[in-house]
């Protein structure tokens, strides 16, 4: 969710029932934890609250809260992923996303899963497929061109999927998810507007057309 910033930099809250213990991270160890980052900066002074959790129950709790805001009944994550009307999921190179979801026995409704790379191209880049940073910077704000500046893609690659995930990667993952969502929102809006204009012009043409015979 986006909100007006209350501070220049984000702050974090941790919930892992280990507050009185020395926190030692053992490589490869799987641990349950929830990390919340508030005030993560986006473009134009917007901010993001990110909840990163390894607990399925926590994910269901957040999703249920969102459902209640929409006036619906609480639903689980698995039900949300399979919903055929209210949600559209968008990403880049989604085949890898599908494989990762399968590891957790989850699947997104294939009719509602959009691969943005195959639906949109940034003009004049010369690329066969554009990256998320290319697309987001062109349809949202140039701010997103620097999305990866806070991470080392080679060194940090080995940390994905570990417990606990470092704050800089939680922040990157949250901004990445927001950028994908907002990019598709803008692209879909622009596409609908273009189709509407074409339909309007076609109707006007036939309304004014006449046969001289």
N, C-alpha and C. Protein backbone atom coordinates (compact mmCIF):
# COMPACT_ATOMS: atom_id res chain seq x y z
N UNK A 1 0.84 -1.19 0.00
CA UNK A 1 0.00 0.00 0.00
C UNK A 1 0.88 1.24 0.00
N UNK A 2 0.43 2.28 -0.63
CA UNK A 2 1.20 3.51 -0.69
C UNK A 2 0.60 4.53 0.25
N UNK A 3 1.45 5.32 0.90
CA UNK A 3 0.98 6.34 1.82
C UNK A 3 1.95 7.49 1.82
N UNK A 4 1.51 8.64 2.31
CA UNK A 4 2.40 9.79 2.40
C UNK A 4 3.51 9.51 3.40
N UNK A 5 4.75 9.86 3.09
CA UNK A 5 5.86 9.54 3.98
C UNK A 5 5.83 10.34 5.26
N UNK A 6 6.17 9.67 6.37
CA UNK A 6 6.26 10.36 7.64
C UNK A 6 7.71 10.62 8.02
N UNK A 7 8.63 10.03 7.25
CA UNK A 7 10.06 10.21 7.51
C UNK A 7 10.81 10.06 6.21
N UNK A 8 12.03 10.56 6.21
CA UNK A 8 12.84 10.53 5.01
C UNK A 8 13.22 9.10 4.63
N UNK A 9 13.55 8.27 5.64
CA UNK A 9 13.97 6.91 5.38
C UNK A 9 13.02 5.94 6.07
N UNK A 10 12.98 4.71 5.56
CA UNK A 10 12.07 3.73 6.12
C UNK A 10 12.60 3.20 7.45
N UNK A 11 11.69 2.65 8.26
CA UNK A 11 12.09 1.97 9.47
C UNK A 11 11.47 0.59 9.47
N UNK A 12 12.02 -0.29 10.31
CA UNK A 12 11.62 -1.69 10.24
C UNK A 12 11.11 -2.19 11.57
N UNK A 13 10.24 -3.18 11.47
CA UNK A 13 9.75 -3.88 12.64
C UNK A 13 9.92 -5.36 12.41
N UNK A 14 10.41 -6.09 13.43
CA UNK A 14 10.65 -7.51 13.29
C UNK A 14 9.81 -8.27 14.30
N UNK A 15 9.25 -9.38 13.87
CA UNK A 15 8.50 -10.25 14.76
C UNK A 15 8.95 -11.68 14.52
N UNK A 16 9.83 -12.20 15.39
CA UNK A 16 10.28 -13.57 15.22
C UNK A 16 10.43 -14.32 16.53
N UNK A 17 9.87 -13.73 17.63
CA UNK A 17 9.91 -14.36 18.95
C UNK A 17 11.32 -14.64 19.42
N UNK A 18 12.30 -13.86 18.98
CA UNK A 18 13.68 -14.08 19.38
C UNK A 18 14.31 -12.81 19.93
N UNK A 19 13.49 -11.88 20.41
CA UNK A 19 13.99 -10.56 20.77
C UNK A 19 14.99 -10.61 21.92
N UNK A 20 14.96 -11.66 22.77
CA UNK A 20 15.86 -11.74 23.91
C UNK A 20 17.08 -12.62 23.64
N UNK A 21 17.23 -13.05 22.40
CA UNK A 21 18.32 -13.95 22.07
C UNK A 21 19.31 -13.26 21.15
N UNK A 22 20.55 -13.76 21.15
CA UNK A 22 21.53 -13.28 20.20
C UNK A 22 21.16 -13.81 18.83
N UNK A 23 21.05 -12.93 17.85
CA UNK A 23 20.57 -13.29 16.52
C UNK A 23 21.73 -13.73 15.65
N UNK A 24 21.89 -15.03 15.47
CA UNK A 24 22.97 -15.59 14.65
C UNK A 24 22.34 -16.22 13.43
N UNK A 25 22.76 -15.77 12.25
CA UNK A 25 22.21 -16.29 11.01
C UNK A 25 23.07 -17.45 10.52
N UNK A 26 22.51 -18.65 10.51
CA UNK A 26 23.22 -19.83 10.03
C UNK A 26 22.87 -20.04 8.57
N UNK A 27 23.86 -20.02 7.66
CA UNK A 27 23.57 -20.18 6.23
C UNK A 27 22.77 -21.45 5.96
N UNK A 28 21.70 -21.30 5.18
CA UNK A 28 20.87 -22.44 4.81
C UNK A 28 19.80 -22.79 5.83
N UNK A 29 19.85 -22.20 7.01
CA UNK A 29 18.86 -22.49 8.04
C UNK A 29 17.54 -21.82 7.69
N UNK A 30 16.45 -22.57 7.78
CA UNK A 30 15.12 -22.04 7.52
C UNK A 30 14.48 -21.61 8.83
N UNK A 31 14.09 -20.36 8.92
CA UNK A 31 13.52 -19.83 10.15
C UNK A 31 12.24 -19.08 9.83
N UNK A 32 11.30 -19.17 10.75
CA UNK A 32 10.08 -18.41 10.59
C UNK A 32 10.30 -16.98 11.09
N UNK A 33 9.89 -16.03 10.29
CA UNK A 33 10.05 -14.63 10.69
C UNK A 33 9.11 -13.76 9.89
N UNK A 34 8.85 -12.58 10.42
CA UNK A 34 8.09 -11.56 9.72
C UNK A 34 8.82 -10.23 9.88
N UNK A 35 9.05 -9.56 8.77
CA UNK A 35 9.76 -8.28 8.79
C UNK A 35 8.89 -7.24 8.07
N UNK A 36 8.67 -6.11 8.72
CA UNK A 36 7.86 -5.04 8.13
C UNK A 36 8.71 -3.80 7.94
N UNK A 37 8.75 -3.30 6.71
CA UNK A 37 9.45 -2.05 6.41
C UNK A 37 8.40 -0.99 6.08
N UNK A 38 8.47 0.13 6.77
CA UNK A 38 7.52 1.22 6.53
C UNK A 38 8.24 2.43 5.97
N UNK A 39 7.55 3.17 5.12
CA UNK A 39 8.12 4.39 4.57
C UNK A 39 9.16 4.15 3.49
N UNK A 40 9.09 3.02 2.79
CA UNK A 40 10.01 2.76 1.67
C UNK A 40 9.67 3.72 0.54
N UNK A 41 10.65 4.48 0.08
CA UNK A 41 10.40 5.56 -0.86
C UNK A 41 10.16 5.08 -2.28
N UNK A 42 9.13 5.67 -2.89
CA UNK A 42 8.82 5.46 -4.29
C UNK A 42 8.96 6.81 -5.00
N UNK A 43 8.39 6.93 -6.18
CA UNK A 43 8.45 8.19 -6.92
C UNK A 43 7.45 9.19 -6.36
N UNK A 44 7.70 10.46 -6.61
CA UNK A 44 6.78 11.55 -6.26
C UNK A 44 6.31 11.50 -4.81
N UNK A 45 7.23 11.22 -3.90
CA UNK A 45 6.96 11.25 -2.46
C UNK A 45 5.99 10.19 -1.96
N UNK A 46 5.64 9.24 -2.82
CA UNK A 46 4.82 8.13 -2.35
C UNK A 46 5.71 7.14 -1.59
N UNK A 47 5.11 6.41 -0.66
CA UNK A 47 5.86 5.42 0.10
C UNK A 47 5.12 4.09 0.11
N UNK A 48 5.85 3.07 0.51
CA UNK A 48 5.34 1.72 0.49
C UNK A 48 5.57 1.07 1.85
N UNK A 49 4.60 0.30 2.31
CA UNK A 49 4.78 -0.54 3.48
C UNK A 49 4.92 -1.98 2.99
N UNK A 50 6.01 -2.62 3.37
CA UNK A 50 6.31 -3.97 2.88
C UNK A 50 6.30 -4.94 4.05
N UNK A 51 5.54 -6.02 3.91
CA UNK A 51 5.54 -7.08 4.90
C UNK A 51 6.16 -8.31 4.26
N UNK A 52 7.31 -8.72 4.79
CA UNK A 52 8.00 -9.92 4.29
C UNK A 52 7.86 -11.00 5.36
N UNK A 53 7.31 -12.14 4.99
CA UNK A 53 7.08 -13.19 5.98
C UNK A 53 7.33 -14.57 5.41
N UNK A 54 7.77 -15.46 6.26
CA UNK A 54 7.92 -16.87 5.90
C UNK A 54 6.75 -17.69 6.43
N UNK A 55 5.79 -17.01 7.07
CA UNK A 55 4.67 -17.69 7.72
C UNK A 55 3.41 -17.62 6.84
N UNK A 56 2.93 -18.76 6.35
CA UNK A 56 1.70 -18.75 5.54
C UNK A 56 0.52 -18.11 6.26
N UNK A 57 0.41 -18.33 7.58
CA UNK A 57 -0.70 -17.75 8.33
C UNK A 57 -0.66 -16.23 8.33
N UNK A 58 0.55 -15.66 8.37
CA UNK A 58 0.71 -14.21 8.33
C UNK A 58 0.29 -13.66 6.98
N UNK A 59 0.66 -14.37 5.91
CA UNK A 59 0.24 -13.95 4.57
C UNK A 59 -1.27 -13.97 4.44
N UNK A 60 -1.90 -15.02 4.97
CA UNK A 60 -3.36 -15.11 4.93
C UNK A 60 -4.01 -13.99 5.74
N UNK A 61 -3.37 -13.61 6.86
CA UNK A 61 -3.90 -12.53 7.70
C UNK A 61 -3.90 -11.20 6.94
N UNK A 62 -2.80 -10.90 6.25
CA UNK A 62 -2.72 -9.65 5.48
C UNK A 62 -3.72 -9.65 4.34
N UNK A 63 -3.85 -10.79 3.64
CA UNK A 63 -4.79 -10.88 2.52
C UNK A 63 -6.23 -10.75 3.01
N UNK A 64 -6.54 -11.36 4.14
CA UNK A 64 -7.89 -11.24 4.70
C UNK A 64 -8.21 -9.79 5.03
N UNK A 65 -7.21 -9.05 5.53
CA UNK A 65 -7.41 -7.64 5.85
C UNK A 65 -7.73 -6.84 4.60
N UNK A 66 -7.05 -7.16 3.50
CA UNK A 66 -7.31 -6.47 2.24
C UNK A 66 -8.70 -6.80 1.71
N UNK A 67 -9.09 -8.07 1.84
CA UNK A 67 -10.44 -8.46 1.41
C UNK A 67 -11.51 -7.70 2.17
N UNK A 68 -11.30 -7.55 3.49
CA UNK A 68 -12.29 -6.83 4.29
C UNK A 68 -12.40 -5.38 3.85
N UNK A 69 -11.27 -4.77 3.45
CA UNK A 69 -11.31 -3.39 2.96
C UNK A 69 -12.12 -3.30 1.67
N UNK A 70 -12.11 -4.39 0.90
CA UNK A 70 -12.87 -4.41 -0.35
C UNK A 70 -14.32 -4.79 -0.13
N UNK A 71 -14.67 -5.06 1.14
CA UNK A 71 -16.05 -5.40 1.45
C UNK A 71 -16.37 -6.87 1.24
N UNK A 72 -15.34 -7.70 1.08
CA UNK A 72 -15.57 -9.13 0.86
C UNK A 72 -15.22 -9.96 2.08
N UNK A 73 -15.47 -11.25 1.97
CA UNK A 73 -15.16 -12.16 3.06
C UNK A 73 -13.66 -12.48 3.04
N UNK A 74 -13.07 -12.74 4.23
CA UNK A 74 -11.65 -13.13 4.27
C UNK A 74 -11.39 -14.38 3.44
N UNK A 75 -10.30 -14.35 2.70
CA UNK A 75 -9.92 -15.50 1.87
C UNK A 75 -8.45 -15.82 2.07
N UNK A 76 -8.08 -17.05 1.76
CA UNK A 76 -6.70 -17.47 1.88
C UNK A 76 -5.92 -17.10 0.63
N UNK A 77 -4.57 -17.15 0.76
CA UNK A 77 -3.70 -16.82 -0.36
C UNK A 77 -3.98 -17.71 -1.56
N UNK A 78 -4.16 -19.01 -1.33
CA UNK A 78 -4.39 -19.93 -2.45
C UNK A 78 -5.66 -19.59 -3.21
N UNK A 79 -6.71 -19.17 -2.47
CA UNK A 79 -7.96 -18.79 -3.13
C UNK A 79 -7.79 -17.51 -3.93
N UNK A 80 -7.01 -16.59 -3.41
CA UNK A 80 -6.77 -15.32 -4.10
C UNK A 80 -6.02 -15.57 -5.42
N UNK A 81 -5.05 -16.47 -5.39
CA UNK A 81 -4.26 -16.75 -6.60
C UNK A 81 -5.10 -17.38 -7.70
N UNK A 82 -6.17 -18.08 -7.32
CA UNK A 82 -7.01 -18.77 -8.30
C UNK A 82 -8.26 -17.99 -8.68
N UNK A 83 -8.45 -16.80 -8.09
CA UNK A 83 -9.68 -16.03 -8.36
C UNK A 83 -9.74 -15.65 -9.83
N UNK A 84 -10.93 -15.76 -10.42
CA UNK A 84 -11.05 -15.56 -11.87
C UNK A 84 -11.66 -14.22 -12.28
N UNK A 85 -11.94 -13.33 -11.29
CA UNK A 85 -12.57 -12.06 -11.64
C UNK A 85 -11.86 -10.83 -11.07
N UNK A 86 -11.61 -10.82 -9.79
CA UNK A 86 -11.15 -9.59 -9.14
C UNK A 86 -9.68 -9.28 -9.34
N UNK A 87 -8.85 -10.29 -9.60
CA UNK A 87 -7.41 -10.06 -9.60
C UNK A 87 -6.78 -10.46 -10.93
N UNK A 88 -5.80 -9.66 -11.35
CA UNK A 88 -4.93 -10.01 -12.46
C UNK A 88 -3.50 -9.91 -11.94
N UNK A 89 -2.71 -10.94 -12.16
CA UNK A 89 -1.33 -10.97 -11.70
C UNK A 89 -0.41 -10.71 -12.89
N UNK A 90 0.57 -9.85 -12.69
CA UNK A 90 1.46 -9.47 -13.77
C UNK A 90 2.91 -9.58 -13.32
N UNK A 91 3.78 -9.98 -14.24
CA UNK A 91 5.19 -10.09 -13.91
C UNK A 91 6.04 -10.10 -15.16
N UNK A 92 7.33 -10.37 -14.99
CA UNK A 92 8.27 -10.45 -16.09
C UNK A 92 8.92 -11.83 -16.08
N UNK A 93 8.98 -12.47 -17.25
CA UNK A 93 9.52 -13.84 -17.34
C UNK A 93 8.81 -14.73 -16.32
N UNK A 94 7.52 -14.83 -16.45
CA UNK A 94 6.71 -15.46 -15.41
C UNK A 94 6.89 -16.97 -15.32
N UNK A 95 7.54 -17.59 -16.29
CA UNK A 95 7.74 -19.04 -16.20
C UNK A 95 8.55 -19.40 -14.97
N UNK A 96 9.56 -18.58 -14.64
CA UNK A 96 10.35 -18.85 -13.43
C UNK A 96 9.51 -18.63 -12.18
N UNK A 97 8.60 -17.65 -12.21
CA UNK A 97 7.70 -17.41 -11.09
C UNK A 97 6.80 -18.63 -10.87
N UNK A 98 6.32 -19.21 -11.96
CA UNK A 98 5.45 -20.39 -11.86
C UNK A 98 6.19 -21.54 -11.19
N UNK A 99 7.44 -21.74 -11.56
CA UNK A 99 8.22 -22.83 -10.99
C UNK A 99 8.44 -22.62 -9.49
N UNK A 100 8.72 -21.37 -9.09
CA UNK A 100 8.94 -21.08 -7.67
C UNK A 100 7.67 -21.27 -6.86
N UNK A 101 6.52 -20.91 -7.44
CA UNK A 101 5.25 -21.10 -6.74
C UNK A 101 4.94 -22.58 -6.56
N UNK A 102 5.32 -23.39 -7.54
CA UNK A 102 5.07 -24.82 -7.44
C UNK A 102 5.82 -25.45 -6.27
N UNK A 103 6.97 -24.87 -5.93
CA UNK A 103 7.74 -25.39 -4.79
C UNK A 103 6.97 -25.25 -3.49
N UNK A 104 6.03 -24.28 -3.47
CA UNK A 104 5.18 -24.07 -2.29
C UNK A 104 3.77 -24.60 -2.52
N UNK A 105 3.62 -25.43 -3.57
CA UNK A 105 2.32 -26.04 -3.91
C UNK A 105 1.27 -24.98 -4.19
N UNK A 106 1.67 -23.90 -4.86
CA UNK A 106 0.74 -22.83 -5.22
C UNK A 106 0.78 -22.59 -6.73
N UNK A 107 -0.32 -22.09 -7.24
CA UNK A 107 -0.41 -21.81 -8.69
C UNK A 107 -1.36 -20.64 -8.91
N UNK A 108 -0.96 -19.74 -9.80
CA UNK A 108 -1.82 -18.62 -10.18
C UNK A 108 -2.70 -19.04 -11.35
N UNK A 109 -3.94 -18.59 -11.32
CA UNK A 109 -4.86 -18.86 -12.42
C UNK A 109 -4.20 -18.46 -13.74
N UNK A 110 -3.94 -19.42 -14.64
CA UNK A 110 -3.21 -19.11 -15.87
C UNK A 110 -3.90 -18.10 -16.77
N UNK A 111 -5.21 -17.97 -16.63
CA UNK A 111 -5.95 -17.00 -17.45
C UNK A 111 -5.84 -15.58 -16.90
N UNK A 112 -5.26 -15.45 -15.71
CA UNK A 112 -5.14 -14.13 -15.07
C UNK A 112 -3.69 -13.80 -14.73
N UNK A 113 -2.76 -14.44 -15.43
CA UNK A 113 -1.33 -14.24 -15.17
C UNK A 113 -0.71 -13.65 -16.44
N UNK A 114 -0.30 -12.39 -16.37
CA UNK A 114 0.19 -11.64 -17.53
C UNK A 114 1.71 -11.56 -17.51
N UNK A 115 2.34 -11.91 -18.63
CA UNK A 115 3.78 -11.69 -18.79
C UNK A 115 3.95 -10.36 -19.53
N UNK A 116 4.32 -9.32 -18.79
CA UNK A 116 4.38 -7.96 -19.35
C UNK A 116 5.37 -7.89 -20.51
N UNK A 117 6.45 -8.65 -20.44
CA UNK A 117 7.44 -8.62 -21.51
C UNK A 117 6.85 -8.98 -22.86
N UNK A 118 5.82 -9.82 -22.85
CA UNK A 118 5.21 -10.27 -24.11
C UNK A 118 4.00 -9.43 -24.51
N UNK A 119 3.62 -8.50 -23.64
CA UNK A 119 2.46 -7.67 -23.93
C UNK A 119 2.83 -6.22 -24.25
N UNK A 120 4.06 -5.83 -23.93
CA UNK A 120 4.44 -4.43 -24.09
C UNK A 120 5.92 -4.31 -24.43
N UNK A 121 6.23 -3.39 -25.32
CA UNK A 121 7.62 -3.09 -25.64
C UNK A 121 7.87 -1.60 -25.56
N UNK A 122 9.00 -1.23 -24.96
CA UNK A 122 9.36 0.19 -24.87
C UNK A 122 9.89 0.61 -26.24
N UNK A 123 9.32 1.66 -26.85
CA UNK A 123 9.75 2.06 -28.19
C UNK A 123 11.23 2.46 -28.25
N UNK A 124 11.87 2.06 -29.33
CA UNK A 124 13.20 2.52 -29.70
C UNK A 124 14.33 2.04 -28.79
N UNK A 125 14.12 1.00 -27.99
CA UNK A 125 15.22 0.49 -27.17
C UNK A 125 16.09 -0.48 -27.96
N UNK A 126 15.53 -1.06 -29.01
CA UNK A 126 16.28 -2.04 -29.79
C UNK A 126 16.34 -3.41 -29.15
N UNK A 127 15.63 -3.61 -28.04
CA UNK A 127 15.67 -4.89 -27.35
C UNK A 127 14.50 -5.77 -27.79
N UNK A 128 14.75 -7.08 -27.81
CA UNK A 128 13.65 -8.00 -28.11
C UNK A 128 12.63 -7.99 -26.98
N UNK A 129 13.14 -8.08 -25.75
CA UNK A 129 12.29 -8.00 -24.56
C UNK A 129 12.89 -6.99 -23.60
N UNK A 130 12.06 -6.10 -23.08
CA UNK A 130 12.52 -5.06 -22.17
C UNK A 130 12.48 -5.56 -20.72
N UNK A 131 13.35 -5.00 -19.89
CA UNK A 131 13.38 -5.33 -18.48
C UNK A 131 12.31 -4.54 -17.74
N UNK A 132 12.07 -4.92 -16.49
CA UNK A 132 11.11 -4.18 -15.67
C UNK A 132 11.56 -2.75 -15.48
N UNK A 133 12.86 -2.53 -15.28
CA UNK A 133 13.34 -1.16 -15.09
C UNK A 133 13.07 -0.31 -16.33
N UNK A 134 13.25 -0.89 -17.51
CA UNK A 134 12.96 -0.17 -18.77
C UNK A 134 11.49 0.23 -18.84
N UNK A 135 10.63 -0.75 -18.59
CA UNK A 135 9.18 -0.50 -18.72
C UNK A 135 8.69 0.47 -17.66
N UNK A 136 9.06 0.21 -16.40
CA UNK A 136 8.58 1.06 -15.31
C UNK A 136 9.06 2.50 -15.46
N UNK A 137 10.30 2.67 -15.90
CA UNK A 137 10.84 4.02 -16.08
C UNK A 137 10.11 4.76 -17.21
N UNK A 138 9.59 4.02 -18.19
CA UNK A 138 8.94 4.66 -19.33
C UNK A 138 7.46 4.95 -19.09
N UNK A 139 6.76 4.08 -18.34
CA UNK A 139 5.32 4.28 -18.18
C UNK A 139 4.93 4.82 -16.80
N UNK A 140 5.84 4.74 -15.80
CA UNK A 140 5.52 5.27 -14.47
C UNK A 140 6.32 6.53 -14.19
N UNK A 141 7.65 6.37 -14.03
CA UNK A 141 8.51 7.49 -13.63
C UNK A 141 9.97 7.07 -13.83
N UNK A 142 10.85 7.99 -14.23
CA UNK A 142 12.28 7.66 -14.40
C UNK A 142 12.95 7.13 -13.13
N UNK A 143 12.34 7.38 -11.98
CA UNK A 143 12.86 6.88 -10.70
C UNK A 143 13.18 5.40 -10.76
N UNK A 144 12.37 4.63 -11.48
CA UNK A 144 12.49 3.17 -11.46
C UNK A 144 13.66 2.66 -12.31
N UNK A 145 14.30 3.54 -13.03
CA UNK A 145 15.49 3.14 -13.78
C UNK A 145 16.62 2.76 -12.82
N UNK A 146 16.58 3.32 -11.60
CA UNK A 146 17.63 3.04 -10.62
C UNK A 146 17.22 2.03 -9.57
N UNK A 147 16.23 1.19 -9.87
CA UNK A 147 15.71 0.24 -8.89
C UNK A 147 16.78 -0.69 -8.32
N UNK A 148 17.73 -1.08 -9.14
CA UNK A 148 18.72 -2.07 -8.72
C UNK A 148 19.98 -1.47 -8.13
N UNK A 149 19.98 -0.15 -7.95
CA UNK A 149 21.20 0.51 -7.47
C UNK A 149 21.59 0.11 -6.06
N UNK A 150 20.62 -0.31 -5.25
CA UNK A 150 20.89 -0.63 -3.85
C UNK A 150 21.28 -2.09 -3.62
N UNK A 151 21.34 -2.88 -4.70
CA UNK A 151 21.71 -4.27 -4.52
C UNK A 151 22.84 -4.64 -5.47
N UNK A 152 23.57 -5.66 -5.10
CA UNK A 152 24.59 -6.25 -5.97
C UNK A 152 24.00 -7.52 -6.54
N UNK A 153 23.63 -7.50 -7.80
CA UNK A 153 22.86 -8.60 -8.38
C UNK A 153 23.62 -9.93 -8.34
N UNK A 154 24.95 -9.88 -8.43
CA UNK A 154 25.73 -11.12 -8.40
C UNK A 154 25.89 -11.65 -6.99
N UNK A 155 26.28 -10.79 -6.05
CA UNK A 155 26.50 -11.22 -4.67
C UNK A 155 25.18 -11.54 -3.96
N UNK A 156 24.15 -10.73 -4.20
CA UNK A 156 22.89 -10.92 -3.50
C UNK A 156 22.06 -12.07 -4.06
N UNK A 157 22.41 -12.53 -5.25
CA UNK A 157 21.62 -13.61 -5.88
C UNK A 157 21.55 -14.85 -5.00
N UNK A 158 22.65 -15.15 -4.30
CA UNK A 158 22.70 -16.35 -3.47
C UNK A 158 21.87 -16.23 -2.20
N UNK A 159 21.42 -15.02 -1.87
CA UNK A 159 20.68 -14.81 -0.63
C UNK A 159 19.17 -15.01 -0.78
N UNK A 160 18.68 -15.01 -2.04
CA UNK A 160 17.25 -15.17 -2.23
C UNK A 160 16.81 -16.54 -1.72
N UNK A 161 15.74 -16.55 -0.96
CA UNK A 161 15.21 -17.80 -0.43
C UNK A 161 15.78 -18.19 0.92
N UNK A 162 16.71 -17.40 1.46
CA UNK A 162 17.27 -17.72 2.76
C UNK A 162 16.48 -17.02 3.86
N UNK A 163 16.69 -17.45 5.08
CA UNK A 163 16.10 -16.79 6.24
C UNK A 163 17.24 -16.29 7.11
N UNK A 164 17.19 -15.08 7.52
CA UNK A 164 16.29 -14.01 7.17
C UNK A 164 16.80 -13.28 5.93
N UNK A 165 15.89 -12.72 5.15
CA UNK A 165 16.27 -11.95 3.98
C UNK A 165 16.71 -10.56 4.42
N UNK A 166 17.86 -10.07 3.95
CA UNK A 166 18.33 -8.74 4.36
C UNK A 166 17.35 -7.64 3.97
N UNK A 167 17.37 -6.55 4.73
CA UNK A 167 16.43 -5.44 4.49
C UNK A 167 16.54 -4.87 3.08
N UNK A 168 17.77 -4.77 2.56
CA UNK A 168 17.90 -4.17 1.23
C UNK A 168 17.24 -5.03 0.15
N UNK A 169 17.22 -6.35 0.34
CA UNK A 169 16.56 -7.22 -0.63
C UNK A 169 15.05 -7.24 -0.43
N UNK A 170 14.61 -7.10 0.83
CA UNK A 170 13.17 -6.97 1.08
C UNK A 170 12.65 -5.69 0.42
N UNK A 171 13.40 -4.60 0.58
CA UNK A 171 13.01 -3.34 -0.04
C UNK A 171 12.98 -3.45 -1.55
N UNK A 172 14.02 -4.08 -2.12
CA UNK A 172 14.07 -4.25 -3.57
C UNK A 172 12.89 -5.10 -4.08
N UNK A 173 12.61 -6.20 -3.37
CA UNK A 173 11.51 -7.08 -3.79
C UNK A 173 10.17 -6.36 -3.73
N UNK A 174 9.98 -5.53 -2.69
CA UNK A 174 8.73 -4.78 -2.57
C UNK A 174 8.56 -3.74 -3.67
N UNK A 175 9.62 -3.00 -3.94
CA UNK A 175 9.57 -1.98 -5.00
C UNK A 175 9.40 -2.66 -6.36
N UNK A 176 10.08 -3.80 -6.55
CA UNK A 176 9.96 -4.57 -7.78
C UNK A 176 8.51 -5.00 -8.01
N UNK A 177 7.87 -5.52 -6.96
CA UNK A 177 6.48 -5.96 -7.07
C UNK A 177 5.56 -4.78 -7.38
N UNK A 178 5.79 -3.65 -6.70
CA UNK A 178 4.96 -2.46 -6.95
C UNK A 178 5.15 -1.97 -8.38
N UNK A 179 6.39 -1.96 -8.85
CA UNK A 179 6.67 -1.47 -10.20
C UNK A 179 5.99 -2.34 -11.26
N UNK A 180 5.98 -3.66 -11.03
CA UNK A 180 5.31 -4.56 -11.97
C UNK A 180 3.80 -4.30 -11.97
N UNK A 181 3.23 -4.16 -10.76
CA UNK A 181 1.80 -3.87 -10.65
C UNK A 181 1.44 -2.55 -11.34
N UNK A 182 2.18 -1.50 -10.99
CA UNK A 182 1.86 -0.17 -11.51
C UNK A 182 2.10 -0.09 -13.01
N UNK A 183 3.13 -0.77 -13.49
CA UNK A 183 3.41 -0.78 -14.94
C UNK A 183 2.24 -1.37 -15.70
N UNK A 184 1.76 -2.54 -15.24
CA UNK A 184 0.65 -3.17 -15.95
C UNK A 184 -0.63 -2.36 -15.83
N UNK A 185 -0.84 -1.73 -14.67
CA UNK A 185 -2.00 -0.86 -14.49
C UNK A 185 -1.99 0.26 -15.54
N UNK A 186 -0.82 0.89 -15.72
CA UNK A 186 -0.71 1.98 -16.68
C UNK A 186 -0.85 1.48 -18.11
N UNK A 187 -0.21 0.35 -18.41
CA UNK A 187 -0.28 -0.21 -19.77
C UNK A 187 -1.71 -0.60 -20.12
N UNK A 188 -2.39 -1.25 -19.19
CA UNK A 188 -3.77 -1.69 -19.42
C UNK A 188 -4.68 -0.48 -19.61
N UNK A 189 -4.44 0.57 -18.82
CA UNK A 189 -5.24 1.79 -18.92
C UNK A 189 -5.02 2.47 -20.28
N UNK A 190 -3.76 2.55 -20.70
CA UNK A 190 -3.44 3.16 -21.99
C UNK A 190 -4.04 2.34 -23.14
N UNK A 191 -3.91 1.02 -23.04
CA UNK A 191 -4.45 0.14 -24.08
C UNK A 191 -5.96 0.26 -24.18
N UNK A 192 -6.63 0.27 -23.03
CA UNK A 192 -8.09 0.43 -23.04
C UNK A 192 -8.49 1.77 -23.65
N UNK A 193 -7.72 2.82 -23.32
CA UNK A 193 -8.01 4.13 -23.89
C UNK A 193 -7.85 4.16 -25.40
N UNK A 194 -6.82 3.49 -25.89
CA UNK A 194 -6.59 3.42 -27.33
C UNK A 194 -7.70 2.65 -28.03
N UNK A 195 -8.11 1.52 -27.44
CA UNK A 195 -9.18 0.73 -28.04
C UNK A 195 -10.50 1.48 -28.03
N UNK A 196 -10.74 2.23 -26.95
CA UNK A 196 -11.96 3.03 -26.87
C UNK A 196 -11.98 4.09 -27.97
N UNK A 197 -10.82 4.73 -28.18
CA UNK A 197 -10.76 5.78 -29.21
C UNK A 197 -11.00 5.19 -30.61
N UNK A 198 -10.43 3.99 -30.86
CA UNK A 198 -10.63 3.35 -32.17
C UNK A 198 -12.11 3.01 -32.37
N UNK A 199 -12.74 2.49 -31.33
CA UNK A 199 -14.15 2.14 -31.42
C UNK A 199 -15.02 3.38 -31.64
N UNK A 200 -14.67 4.46 -30.94
CA UNK A 200 -15.42 5.70 -31.09
C UNK A 200 -15.31 6.24 -32.51
N UNK A 201 -14.08 6.22 -33.06
CA UNK A 201 -13.89 6.74 -34.41
C UNK A 201 -14.60 5.88 -35.44
N UNK A 202 -14.60 4.56 -35.21
CA UNK A 202 -15.29 3.66 -36.14
C UNK A 202 -16.79 3.92 -36.11
N UNK A 203 -17.34 4.12 -34.93
CA UNK A 203 -18.77 4.41 -34.82
C UNK A 203 -19.12 5.74 -35.47
N UNK A 204 -18.27 6.74 -35.29
CA UNK A 204 -18.50 8.04 -35.91
C UNK A 204 -18.44 7.95 -37.42
N UNK A 205 -17.52 7.10 -37.93
CA UNK A 205 -17.39 6.93 -39.37
C UNK A 205 -18.66 6.34 -39.96
N UNK A 206 -19.18 5.29 -39.32
CA UNK A 206 -20.37 4.66 -39.85
C UNK A 206 -21.61 5.53 -39.65
N UNK A 207 -21.61 6.33 -38.60
CA UNK A 207 -22.74 7.24 -38.38
C UNK A 207 -22.83 8.29 -39.47
N UNK A 208 -21.64 8.70 -40.01
CA UNK A 208 -21.62 9.76 -41.01
C UNK A 208 -21.48 9.22 -42.43
N UNK A 209 -21.28 7.92 -42.55
CA UNK A 209 -21.14 7.35 -43.90
C UNK A 209 -22.52 7.27 -44.58
N UNK A 210 -22.49 7.39 -45.90
CA UNK A 210 -23.74 7.28 -46.63
C UNK A 210 -23.46 6.69 -48.00
N UNK A 211 -24.47 6.13 -48.57
CA UNK A 211 -24.32 5.51 -49.89
C UNK A 211 -24.89 6.48 -50.94
N UNK A 212 -24.09 6.84 -51.97
CA UNK A 212 -24.55 7.81 -52.96
C UNK A 212 -25.53 7.25 -53.97
N UNK A 213 -25.75 5.92 -53.92
CA UNK A 213 -26.63 5.33 -54.92
C UNK A 213 -28.04 5.18 -54.39
